């Protein structure tokens, strides 16, 4: 595989480049199969699909955000209040 990049999709290595739309489609397929999103054909443009988050998807998303918030809070607690304020200020300059 010299000179080529490998991407892993669905657990199988593939040689070559993978487009962003292909990765997005695979990601949507997995989430749809898990029941987290559903696809609808866009009535105004039949070539397009709309992705809608299901109730199950919102529940999982909420749990994921809670876990991230807890992990981030745990790491932030290692900093003093002054350091947290400085970090916030620096991050705001980057956005």
N, C-alpha and C. Protein backbone atom coordinates (compact mmCIF):
# COMPACT_ATOMS: atom_id res chain seq x y z
N UNK A 1 0.82 -1.19 0.00
CA UNK A 1 0.00 0.00 0.00
C UNK A 1 0.86 1.25 0.00
N UNK A 2 2.04 1.15 -0.53
CA UNK A 2 2.93 2.30 -0.56
C UNK A 2 2.33 3.41 -1.41
N UNK A 3 2.35 4.62 -0.86
CA UNK A 3 1.86 5.77 -1.60
C UNK A 3 0.35 5.96 -1.57
N UNK A 4 -0.38 5.02 -1.02
CA UNK A 4 -1.83 5.14 -0.96
C UNK A 4 -2.27 5.17 0.50
N UNK A 5 -3.36 5.86 0.74
CA UNK A 5 -3.89 5.92 2.09
C UNK A 5 -4.96 4.86 2.24
N UNK A 6 -5.07 4.29 3.41
CA UNK A 6 -6.09 3.28 3.67
C UNK A 6 -7.14 3.88 4.59
N UNK A 7 -8.37 3.59 4.30
CA UNK A 7 -9.48 4.02 5.15
C UNK A 7 -10.18 2.76 5.63
N UNK A 8 -10.65 2.80 6.84
CA UNK A 8 -11.36 1.65 7.36
C UNK A 8 -12.83 2.00 7.45
N UNK A 9 -13.63 1.30 6.67
CA UNK A 9 -15.07 1.47 6.67
C UNK A 9 -15.69 0.11 6.95
N UNK A 10 -16.58 0.07 7.89
CA UNK A 10 -17.26 -1.18 8.24
C UNK A 10 -16.25 -2.24 8.64
N UNK A 11 -15.13 -1.85 9.25
CA UNK A 11 -14.17 -2.80 9.76
C UNK A 11 -13.25 -3.41 8.72
N UNK A 12 -13.38 -3.03 7.43
CA UNK A 12 -12.53 -3.59 6.39
C UNK A 12 -11.63 -2.50 5.82
N UNK A 13 -10.31 -2.73 5.78
CA UNK A 13 -9.42 -1.72 5.19
C UNK A 13 -9.65 -1.64 3.69
N UNK A 14 -9.66 -0.42 3.17
CA UNK A 14 -9.80 -0.21 1.74
C UNK A 14 -8.70 0.74 1.30
N UNK A 15 -8.11 0.47 0.18
CA UNK A 15 -7.02 1.29 -0.32
C UNK A 15 -7.60 2.38 -1.21
N UNK A 16 -7.08 3.59 -1.06
CA UNK A 16 -7.51 4.70 -1.88
C UNK A 16 -8.13 5.78 -1.03
N UNK A 17 -8.66 6.76 -1.70
CA UNK A 17 -9.26 7.88 -0.99
C UNK A 17 -10.76 7.67 -0.90
N UNK A 18 -11.33 8.09 0.18
CA UNK A 18 -12.77 7.98 0.40
C UNK A 18 -13.33 9.38 0.47
N UNK A 19 -14.36 9.64 -0.30
CA UNK A 19 -14.92 10.99 -0.32
C UNK A 19 -15.70 11.26 0.96
N UNK A 20 -15.82 12.53 1.28
CA UNK A 20 -16.57 12.93 2.47
C UNK A 20 -18.02 12.49 2.35
N UNK A 21 -18.60 12.57 1.15
CA UNK A 21 -19.99 12.19 0.99
C UNK A 21 -20.16 10.69 1.20
N UNK A 22 -19.16 9.90 0.81
CA UNK A 22 -19.22 8.46 1.03
C UNK A 22 -19.15 8.13 2.52
N UNK A 23 -18.27 8.82 3.25
CA UNK A 23 -18.18 8.62 4.69
C UNK A 23 -19.47 9.03 5.39
N UNK A 24 -20.04 10.14 4.95
CA UNK A 24 -21.30 10.62 5.55
C UNK A 24 -22.41 9.63 5.29
N UNK A 25 -22.44 9.07 4.09
CA UNK A 25 -23.47 8.10 3.74
C UNK A 25 -23.35 6.84 4.60
N UNK A 26 -22.13 6.35 4.78
CA UNK A 26 -21.90 5.17 5.63
C UNK A 26 -22.31 5.45 7.07
N UNK A 27 -21.97 6.63 7.54
CA UNK A 27 -22.33 7.02 8.90
C UNK A 27 -23.84 7.09 9.05
N UNK A 28 -24.51 7.67 8.07
CA UNK A 28 -25.97 7.76 8.11
C UNK A 28 -26.59 6.38 8.04
N UNK A 29 -26.03 5.49 7.23
CA UNK A 29 -26.54 4.12 7.14
C UNK A 29 -26.49 3.42 8.49
N UNK A 30 -25.37 3.56 9.19
CA UNK A 30 -25.23 2.92 10.50
C UNK A 30 -26.22 3.48 11.51
N UNK A 31 -26.36 4.81 11.51
CA UNK A 31 -27.28 5.43 12.46
C UNK A 31 -28.73 5.11 12.13
N UNK A 32 -29.04 5.00 10.86
CA UNK A 32 -30.38 4.62 10.43
C UNK A 32 -30.69 3.18 10.84
N UNK A 33 -29.73 2.28 10.62
CA UNK A 33 -29.91 0.88 11.00
C UNK A 33 -30.09 0.73 12.51
N UNK A 34 -29.44 1.60 13.28
CA UNK A 34 -29.56 1.56 14.73
C UNK A 34 -30.84 2.23 15.22
N UNK A 35 -31.56 2.90 14.32
CA UNK A 35 -32.82 3.55 14.69
C UNK A 35 -32.64 4.96 15.25
N UNK A 36 -31.46 5.56 15.09
CA UNK A 36 -31.20 6.89 15.64
C UNK A 36 -31.65 8.01 14.70
N UNK A 37 -31.70 7.71 13.41
CA UNK A 37 -32.19 8.70 12.44
C UNK A 37 -33.11 7.98 11.46
N UNK A 38 -33.91 8.76 10.76
CA UNK A 38 -34.68 8.18 9.65
C UNK A 38 -34.49 9.09 8.45
N UNK A 39 -34.56 8.48 7.28
CA UNK A 39 -34.37 9.21 6.03
C UNK A 39 -35.72 9.49 5.40
N UNK A 40 -35.84 10.68 4.84
CA UNK A 40 -37.03 11.04 4.08
C UNK A 40 -36.55 11.64 2.77
N UNK A 41 -37.27 11.37 1.70
CA UNK A 41 -36.95 12.00 0.43
C UNK A 41 -37.48 13.42 0.46
N UNK A 42 -36.65 14.36 0.06
CA UNK A 42 -37.04 15.77 0.03
C UNK A 42 -38.05 15.97 -1.10
N UNK A 43 -39.25 16.38 -0.75
CA UNK A 43 -40.32 16.54 -1.74
C UNK A 43 -39.99 17.59 -2.80
N UNK A 44 -39.18 18.58 -2.44
CA UNK A 44 -38.84 19.63 -3.40
C UNK A 44 -37.70 19.24 -4.34
N UNK A 45 -36.95 18.21 -3.98
CA UNK A 45 -35.85 17.73 -4.83
C UNK A 45 -35.69 16.24 -4.56
N UNK A 46 -36.23 15.42 -5.42
CA UNK A 46 -36.27 13.97 -5.19
C UNK A 46 -34.90 13.31 -5.15
N UNK A 47 -33.86 14.04 -5.53
CA UNK A 47 -32.49 13.49 -5.45
C UNK A 47 -31.94 13.58 -4.04
N UNK A 48 -32.53 14.41 -3.22
CA UNK A 48 -32.01 14.67 -1.88
C UNK A 48 -32.78 13.89 -0.83
N UNK A 49 -32.07 13.53 0.22
CA UNK A 49 -32.69 12.89 1.38
C UNK A 49 -32.53 13.80 2.58
N UNK A 50 -33.55 13.85 3.39
CA UNK A 50 -33.47 14.57 4.66
C UNK A 50 -33.25 13.54 5.75
N UNK A 51 -32.38 13.86 6.70
CA UNK A 51 -32.11 12.98 7.83
C UNK A 51 -32.74 13.60 9.06
N UNK A 52 -33.60 12.82 9.71
CA UNK A 52 -34.31 13.31 10.90
C UNK A 52 -33.92 12.47 12.10
N UNK A 53 -33.61 13.13 13.20
CA UNK A 53 -33.25 12.43 14.43
C UNK A 53 -34.52 11.88 15.06
N UNK A 54 -34.48 10.59 15.42
CA UNK A 54 -35.63 9.94 16.04
C UNK A 54 -35.59 10.18 17.56
N UNK A 55 -36.66 9.78 18.24
CA UNK A 55 -36.71 9.89 19.70
C UNK A 55 -35.56 9.09 20.33
N UNK A 56 -35.30 7.91 19.79
CA UNK A 56 -34.19 7.09 20.27
C UNK A 56 -32.85 7.80 20.05
N UNK A 57 -32.72 8.44 18.90
CA UNK A 57 -31.50 9.19 18.60
C UNK A 57 -31.30 10.36 19.55
N UNK A 58 -32.39 11.06 19.86
CA UNK A 58 -32.29 12.18 20.80
C UNK A 58 -31.90 11.69 22.19
N UNK A 59 -32.42 10.53 22.58
CA UNK A 59 -32.09 9.96 23.90
C UNK A 59 -30.60 9.62 23.97
N UNK A 60 -30.09 8.96 22.95
CA UNK A 60 -28.67 8.59 22.92
C UNK A 60 -27.79 9.83 22.86
N UNK A 61 -28.23 10.82 22.07
CA UNK A 61 -27.47 12.06 21.95
C UNK A 61 -27.40 12.76 23.32
N UNK A 62 -28.50 12.77 24.04
CA UNK A 62 -28.52 13.37 25.38
C UNK A 62 -27.56 12.67 26.33
N UNK A 63 -27.56 11.34 26.28
CA UNK A 63 -26.63 10.57 27.13
C UNK A 63 -25.18 10.87 26.77
N UNK A 64 -24.91 10.95 25.46
CA UNK A 64 -23.55 11.24 25.00
C UNK A 64 -23.09 12.62 25.45
N UNK A 65 -23.98 13.60 25.32
CA UNK A 65 -23.63 14.96 25.75
C UNK A 65 -23.39 15.02 27.25
N UNK A 66 -24.19 14.27 28.01
CA UNK A 66 -24.00 14.23 29.47
C UNK A 66 -22.65 13.62 29.82
N UNK A 67 -22.28 12.55 29.14
CA UNK A 67 -20.97 11.92 29.38
C UNK A 67 -19.82 12.86 29.03
N UNK A 68 -19.94 13.54 27.89
CA UNK A 68 -18.90 14.50 27.50
C UNK A 68 -18.80 15.64 28.50
N UNK A 69 -19.95 16.14 28.94
CA UNK A 69 -19.96 17.23 29.90
C UNK A 69 -19.30 16.81 31.21
N UNK A 70 -19.62 15.60 31.66
CA UNK A 70 -19.03 15.08 32.90
C UNK A 70 -17.52 14.93 32.76
N UNK A 71 -17.06 14.38 31.64
CA UNK A 71 -15.63 14.19 31.42
C UNK A 71 -14.92 15.53 31.31
N UNK A 72 -15.53 16.47 30.60
CA UNK A 72 -14.92 17.79 30.46
C UNK A 72 -14.86 18.50 31.81
N UNK A 73 -15.96 18.41 32.58
CA UNK A 73 -15.99 19.03 33.91
C UNK A 73 -14.93 18.45 34.83
N UNK A 74 -14.73 17.15 34.73
CA UNK A 74 -13.71 16.49 35.54
C UNK A 74 -12.32 17.02 35.22
N UNK A 75 -12.06 17.24 33.95
CA UNK A 75 -10.75 17.76 33.56
C UNK A 75 -10.60 19.24 33.93
N UNK A 76 -11.68 20.00 33.75
CA UNK A 76 -11.62 21.42 34.11
C UNK A 76 -11.41 21.61 35.61
N UNK A 77 -11.92 20.69 36.41
CA UNK A 77 -11.79 20.83 37.86
C UNK A 77 -10.34 20.77 38.32
N UNK A 78 -9.46 20.30 37.46
CA UNK A 78 -8.02 20.26 37.79
C UNK A 78 -7.40 21.64 37.74
N UNK A 79 -8.10 22.58 37.08
CA UNK A 79 -7.60 23.95 36.96
C UNK A 79 -8.22 24.84 38.02
N UNK A 80 -7.47 25.85 38.43
CA UNK A 80 -8.04 26.84 39.35
C UNK A 80 -9.07 27.67 38.58
N UNK A 81 -9.89 28.43 39.30
CA UNK A 81 -10.88 29.28 38.64
C UNK A 81 -10.21 30.29 37.71
N UNK A 82 -9.06 30.81 38.13
CA UNK A 82 -8.32 31.76 37.29
C UNK A 82 -7.83 31.08 36.01
N UNK A 83 -7.34 29.86 36.13
CA UNK A 83 -6.88 29.12 34.96
C UNK A 83 -8.04 28.78 34.03
N UNK A 84 -9.19 28.45 34.61
CA UNK A 84 -10.37 28.17 33.79
C UNK A 84 -10.79 29.42 33.02
N UNK A 85 -10.76 30.57 33.66
CA UNK A 85 -11.11 31.83 33.00
C UNK A 85 -10.12 32.14 31.88
N UNK A 86 -8.84 31.89 32.14
CA UNK A 86 -7.81 32.13 31.12
C UNK A 86 -8.01 31.19 29.93
N UNK A 87 -8.29 29.93 30.20
CA UNK A 87 -8.55 28.96 29.14
C UNK A 87 -9.75 29.40 28.30
N UNK A 88 -10.81 29.82 28.98
CA UNK A 88 -12.02 30.27 28.27
C UNK A 88 -11.69 31.45 27.35
N UNK A 89 -10.92 32.38 27.88
CA UNK A 89 -10.54 33.55 27.10
C UNK A 89 -9.72 33.18 25.87
N UNK A 90 -8.77 32.26 26.05
CA UNK A 90 -7.93 31.81 24.93
C UNK A 90 -8.76 31.07 23.88
N UNK A 91 -9.67 30.22 24.32
CA UNK A 91 -10.51 29.47 23.38
C UNK A 91 -11.43 30.40 22.62
N UNK A 92 -11.92 31.44 23.27
CA UNK A 92 -12.80 32.39 22.59
C UNK A 92 -12.04 33.15 21.50
N UNK A 93 -10.74 33.39 21.73
CA UNK A 93 -9.93 34.06 20.71
C UNK A 93 -9.76 33.17 19.47
N UNK A 94 -9.80 31.87 19.66
CA UNK A 94 -9.64 30.95 18.54
C UNK A 94 -10.91 30.78 17.72
N UNK A 95 -12.05 31.11 18.32
CA UNK A 95 -13.32 30.89 17.59
C UNK A 95 -13.71 32.07 16.74
